[in-house]
Amino acid sequence: MNHTVNVAVQVLPRSKDVDTYDLVDEAISIIDQSGIKYRVTPFETVMEGDYDQIMEIVKKIQLACYKAGAETAMTYVKIQTSSLSPVRIDDKMKKYD
């Protein structure tokens, strides 16, 4: 895919010993460190950028949760692409910001 895409990721890590929000913070930290544009919402985080790069970030998110103490994790991914133009967070959100 040659255009910018949006990928929404929701990770639901579980641990007996580590607070879920702390594990989710680890996931968001991976996204932040990647340098891509993103937006955190109450239920998921939306990323904007190259498809392959974002899918690699999704993999790193899962690994980071396990490294931080998650025993299991469910990860939900939604992808918006277009063959005509880039998909941008700002284009979808500007009337609400």
N, C-alpha and C. Protein backbone atom coordinates (compact mmCIF):
# COMPACT_ATOMS: atom_id res chain seq x y z
N MET A 1 0.85 -1.17 0.00
CA MET A 1 0.00 0.00 0.00
C MET A 1 0.89 1.23 0.00
N ASN A 2 0.63 2.09 -0.94
CA ASN A 2 1.50 3.24 -1.12
C ASN A 2 1.01 4.50 -0.41
N HIS A 3 -0.16 4.46 0.14
CA HIS A 3 -0.70 5.64 0.81
C HIS A 3 -0.61 5.50 2.32
N THR A 4 -0.73 6.62 2.98
CA THR A 4 -0.83 6.64 4.43
C THR A 4 -2.14 5.98 4.84
N VAL A 5 -2.06 5.15 5.87
CA VAL A 5 -3.23 4.44 6.37
C VAL A 5 -3.48 4.80 7.83
N ASN A 6 -4.66 4.47 8.32
CA ASN A 6 -4.97 4.56 9.75
C ASN A 6 -5.19 3.16 10.26
N VAL A 7 -4.58 2.88 11.40
CA VAL A 7 -4.78 1.60 12.07
C VAL A 7 -5.14 1.89 13.52
N ALA A 8 -6.28 1.38 13.95
CA ALA A 8 -6.70 1.49 15.34
C ALA A 8 -6.34 0.19 16.03
N VAL A 9 -5.68 0.29 17.17
CA VAL A 9 -5.30 -0.90 17.92
C VAL A 9 -5.82 -0.78 19.35
N GLN A 10 -6.42 -1.86 19.80
CA GLN A 10 -6.88 -1.96 21.18
C GLN A 10 -6.25 -3.22 21.74
N VAL A 11 -5.43 -3.05 22.77
CA VAL A 11 -4.81 -4.21 23.40
C VAL A 11 -5.40 -4.36 24.79
N LEU A 12 -5.77 -5.60 25.11
CA LEU A 12 -6.36 -5.90 26.42
C LEU A 12 -5.49 -6.94 27.11
N PRO A 13 -4.39 -6.47 27.72
CA PRO A 13 -3.51 -7.40 28.41
C PRO A 13 -4.06 -7.75 29.79
N ARG A 14 -3.76 -8.97 30.24
CA ARG A 14 -4.21 -9.40 31.56
C ARG A 14 -3.03 -9.96 32.33
N SER A 15 -3.04 -9.66 33.62
CA SER A 15 -2.01 -10.16 34.51
C SER A 15 -2.58 -10.25 35.92
N LYS A 16 -2.14 -11.25 36.64
CA LYS A 16 -2.54 -11.36 38.06
C LYS A 16 -1.79 -10.35 38.91
N ASP A 17 -0.60 -9.96 38.46
CA ASP A 17 0.30 -9.16 39.29
C ASP A 17 0.48 -7.71 38.85
N VAL A 18 0.18 -7.40 37.59
CA VAL A 18 0.43 -6.06 37.06
C VAL A 18 -0.90 -5.44 36.65
N ASP A 19 -1.08 -4.19 37.04
CA ASP A 19 -2.30 -3.46 36.70
C ASP A 19 -2.46 -3.34 35.18
N THR A 20 -3.67 -3.56 34.70
CA THR A 20 -3.96 -3.50 33.27
C THR A 20 -3.56 -2.16 32.67
N TYR A 21 -3.86 -1.06 33.36
CA TYR A 21 -3.51 0.26 32.82
C TYR A 21 -2.00 0.43 32.69
N ASP A 22 -1.25 -0.15 33.60
CA ASP A 22 0.22 -0.08 33.48
C ASP A 22 0.69 -0.83 32.24
N LEU A 23 0.06 -1.95 31.95
CA LEU A 23 0.42 -2.70 30.74
C LEU A 23 0.04 -1.93 29.48
N VAL A 24 -1.13 -1.31 29.49
CA VAL A 24 -1.55 -0.50 28.35
C VAL A 24 -0.61 0.68 28.17
N ASP A 25 -0.14 1.27 29.27
CA ASP A 25 0.83 2.36 29.17
C ASP A 25 2.10 1.89 28.47
N GLU A 26 2.50 0.65 28.69
CA GLU A 26 3.67 0.10 27.98
C GLU A 26 3.41 0.06 26.48
N ALA A 27 2.20 -0.34 26.10
CA ALA A 27 1.84 -0.40 24.69
C ALA A 27 1.88 1.00 24.07
N ILE A 28 1.32 1.97 24.75
CA ILE A 28 1.31 3.34 24.23
C ILE A 28 2.73 3.88 24.14
N SER A 29 3.58 3.49 25.06
CA SER A 29 4.97 3.92 25.03
C SER A 29 5.67 3.43 23.75
N ILE A 30 5.37 2.21 23.34
CA ILE A 30 5.94 1.67 22.10
C ILE A 30 5.50 2.52 20.91
N ILE A 31 4.24 2.89 20.89
CA ILE A 31 3.73 3.73 19.80
C ILE A 31 4.42 5.09 19.82
N ASP A 32 4.53 5.68 20.99
CA ASP A 32 5.16 6.99 21.13
C ASP A 32 6.61 6.95 20.66
N GLN A 33 7.33 5.93 21.05
CA GLN A 33 8.75 5.79 20.68
C GLN A 33 8.93 5.60 19.18
N SER A 34 7.91 5.14 18.49
CA SER A 34 8.03 4.87 17.05
C SER A 34 8.15 6.16 16.23
N GLY A 35 7.64 7.24 16.77
CA GLY A 35 7.69 8.52 16.07
C GLY A 35 6.55 8.75 15.09
N ILE A 36 5.65 7.78 14.95
CA ILE A 36 4.53 7.99 14.03
C ILE A 36 3.46 8.87 14.68
N LYS A 37 2.58 9.41 13.88
CA LYS A 37 1.47 10.20 14.39
C LYS A 37 0.45 9.24 14.99
N TYR A 38 -0.09 9.59 16.15
CA TYR A 38 -1.10 8.74 16.78
C TYR A 38 -2.01 9.58 17.66
N ARG A 39 -3.13 8.97 18.01
CA ARG A 39 -4.09 9.61 18.91
C ARG A 39 -4.65 8.56 19.85
N VAL A 40 -4.50 8.81 21.15
CA VAL A 40 -5.04 7.92 22.17
C VAL A 40 -6.48 8.31 22.43
N THR A 41 -7.37 7.33 22.46
CA THR A 41 -8.77 7.54 22.81
C THR A 41 -9.09 6.61 23.98
N PRO A 42 -10.27 6.74 24.57
CA PRO A 42 -10.58 5.91 25.74
C PRO A 42 -10.58 4.39 25.48
N PHE A 43 -10.81 3.97 24.24
CA PHE A 43 -10.92 2.53 23.97
C PHE A 43 -9.84 1.97 23.07
N GLU A 44 -9.15 2.83 22.33
CA GLU A 44 -8.14 2.36 21.39
C GLU A 44 -7.21 3.51 21.05
N THR A 45 -6.13 3.19 20.37
CA THR A 45 -5.21 4.20 19.88
C THR A 45 -5.16 4.10 18.36
N VAL A 46 -5.29 5.24 17.70
CA VAL A 46 -5.27 5.28 16.24
C VAL A 46 -3.90 5.77 15.80
N MET A 47 -3.29 5.03 14.89
CA MET A 47 -1.98 5.38 14.35
C MET A 47 -2.13 5.75 12.88
N GLU A 48 -1.25 6.64 12.42
CA GLU A 48 -1.25 7.09 11.03
C GLU A 48 0.14 6.90 10.45
N GLY A 49 0.21 6.25 9.29
CA GLY A 49 1.51 6.10 8.67
C GLY A 49 1.54 4.97 7.67
N ASP A 50 2.73 4.46 7.43
CA ASP A 50 2.96 3.37 6.50
C ASP A 50 2.41 2.05 7.07
N TYR A 51 1.70 1.34 6.24
CA TYR A 51 1.04 0.09 6.67
C TYR A 51 2.02 -0.89 7.31
N ASP A 52 3.12 -1.20 6.62
CA ASP A 52 4.07 -2.18 7.14
C ASP A 52 4.69 -1.73 8.45
N GLN A 53 5.02 -0.45 8.55
CA GLN A 53 5.60 0.08 9.79
C GLN A 53 4.61 -0.05 10.95
N ILE A 54 3.37 0.27 10.70
CA ILE A 54 2.37 0.20 11.77
C ILE A 54 2.14 -1.25 12.19
N MET A 55 2.10 -2.16 11.26
CA MET A 55 1.88 -3.57 11.63
C MET A 55 3.06 -4.10 12.46
N GLU A 56 4.24 -3.61 12.20
CA GLU A 56 5.40 -3.97 13.03
C GLU A 56 5.24 -3.40 14.44
N ILE A 57 4.70 -2.21 14.54
CA ILE A 57 4.43 -1.61 15.85
C ILE A 57 3.41 -2.44 16.61
N VAL A 58 2.37 -2.93 15.94
CA VAL A 58 1.37 -3.78 16.59
C VAL A 58 2.05 -5.01 17.20
N LYS A 59 2.96 -5.61 16.47
CA LYS A 59 3.70 -6.76 16.99
C LYS A 59 4.52 -6.36 18.22
N LYS A 60 5.20 -5.23 18.15
CA LYS A 60 6.02 -4.76 19.28
C LYS A 60 5.17 -4.46 20.51
N ILE A 61 3.95 -3.97 20.29
CA ILE A 61 3.02 -3.69 21.39
C ILE A 61 2.74 -4.97 22.16
N GLN A 62 2.42 -6.01 21.44
CA GLN A 62 2.10 -7.28 22.09
C GLN A 62 3.31 -7.80 22.88
N LEU A 63 4.47 -7.76 22.26
CA LEU A 63 5.68 -8.24 22.93
C LEU A 63 6.00 -7.41 24.18
N ALA A 64 5.79 -6.10 24.10
CA ALA A 64 6.05 -5.22 25.24
C ALA A 64 5.12 -5.54 26.40
N CYS A 65 3.87 -5.86 26.11
CA CYS A 65 2.92 -6.21 27.18
C CYS A 65 3.37 -7.48 27.89
N TYR A 66 3.81 -8.47 27.13
CA TYR A 66 4.29 -9.71 27.75
C TYR A 66 5.55 -9.46 28.56
N LYS A 67 6.45 -8.66 28.03
CA LYS A 67 7.69 -8.35 28.75
C LYS A 67 7.39 -7.62 30.05
N ALA A 68 6.33 -6.81 30.06
CA ALA A 68 5.95 -6.04 31.25
C ALA A 68 5.15 -6.86 32.25
N GLY A 69 4.83 -8.12 31.91
CA GLY A 69 4.16 -8.97 32.88
C GLY A 69 2.80 -9.50 32.50
N ALA A 70 2.31 -9.21 31.31
CA ALA A 70 1.02 -9.76 30.89
C ALA A 70 1.14 -11.27 30.72
N GLU A 71 0.09 -11.96 31.13
CA GLU A 71 0.04 -13.41 30.93
C GLU A 71 -0.71 -13.75 29.65
N THR A 72 -1.70 -12.94 29.33
CA THR A 72 -2.45 -13.08 28.09
C THR A 72 -2.76 -11.69 27.55
N ALA A 73 -3.10 -11.63 26.28
CA ALA A 73 -3.49 -10.35 25.69
C ALA A 73 -4.39 -10.62 24.49
N MET A 74 -5.42 -9.82 24.40
CA MET A 74 -6.26 -9.82 23.20
C MET A 74 -5.98 -8.49 22.51
N THR A 75 -5.74 -8.55 21.21
CA THR A 75 -5.43 -7.35 20.45
C THR A 75 -6.40 -7.25 19.28
N TYR A 76 -7.08 -6.12 19.22
CA TYR A 76 -8.04 -5.87 18.16
C TYR A 76 -7.47 -4.78 17.26
N VAL A 77 -7.54 -5.01 15.94
CA VAL A 77 -6.98 -4.08 14.98
C VAL A 77 -8.04 -3.73 13.93
N LYS A 78 -8.16 -2.43 13.65
CA LYS A 78 -9.02 -1.95 12.57
C LYS A 78 -8.13 -1.15 11.62
N ILE A 79 -8.31 -1.36 10.33
CA ILE A 79 -7.46 -0.73 9.34
C ILE A 79 -8.33 0.02 8.34
N GLN A 80 -7.98 1.28 8.10
CA GLN A 80 -8.63 2.05 7.04
C GLN A 80 -7.59 2.41 5.99
N THR A 81 -7.86 2.00 4.75
CA THR A 81 -6.98 2.30 3.63
C THR A 81 -7.79 2.93 2.50
N SER A 82 -7.10 3.51 1.57
CA SER A 82 -7.74 4.06 0.38
C SER A 82 -6.78 3.90 -0.79
N SER A 83 -7.31 3.51 -1.93
CA SER A 83 -6.47 3.41 -3.13
C SER A 83 -6.34 4.77 -3.81
N LEU A 84 -7.10 5.75 -3.34
CA LEU A 84 -7.13 7.06 -3.99
C LEU A 84 -6.28 8.12 -3.31
N SER A 85 -6.22 8.07 -1.97
CA SER A 85 -5.53 9.14 -1.26
C SER A 85 -5.11 8.66 0.13
N PRO A 86 -4.23 9.41 0.76
CA PRO A 86 -3.83 9.06 2.13
C PRO A 86 -5.02 9.14 3.08
N VAL A 87 -5.01 8.31 4.11
CA VAL A 87 -6.03 8.36 5.16
C VAL A 87 -5.38 9.05 6.35
N ARG A 88 -5.94 10.17 6.75
CA ARG A 88 -5.32 10.97 7.80
C ARG A 88 -6.28 11.19 8.97
N ILE A 89 -5.71 11.14 10.16
CA ILE A 89 -6.48 11.38 11.38
C ILE A 89 -7.11 12.77 11.34
N ASP A 90 -6.33 13.77 10.99
CA ASP A 90 -6.84 15.15 10.99
C ASP A 90 -8.02 15.35 10.07
N ASP A 91 -8.01 14.67 8.93
CA ASP A 91 -9.14 14.80 8.00
C ASP A 91 -10.44 14.32 8.62
N LYS A 92 -10.35 13.31 9.46
CA LYS A 92 -11.55 12.75 10.09
C LYS A 92 -11.95 13.50 11.35
N MET A 93 -10.98 14.16 12.01
CA MET A 93 -11.24 14.72 13.33
C MET A 93 -11.34 16.23 13.36
N LYS A 94 -10.93 16.92 12.30
CA LYS A 94 -10.83 18.39 12.37
C LYS A 94 -12.12 19.10 12.74
N LYS A 95 -13.25 18.56 12.34
CA LYS A 95 -14.50 19.24 12.70
C LYS A 95 -14.88 19.03 14.17
N TYR A 96 -14.22 18.10 14.84
CA TYR A 96 -14.53 17.83 16.25
C TYR A 96 -13.51 18.43 17.22
N ASP A 97 -12.32 18.75 16.71
CA ASP A 97 -11.27 19.29 17.58
C ASP A 97 -11.44 20.76 17.85
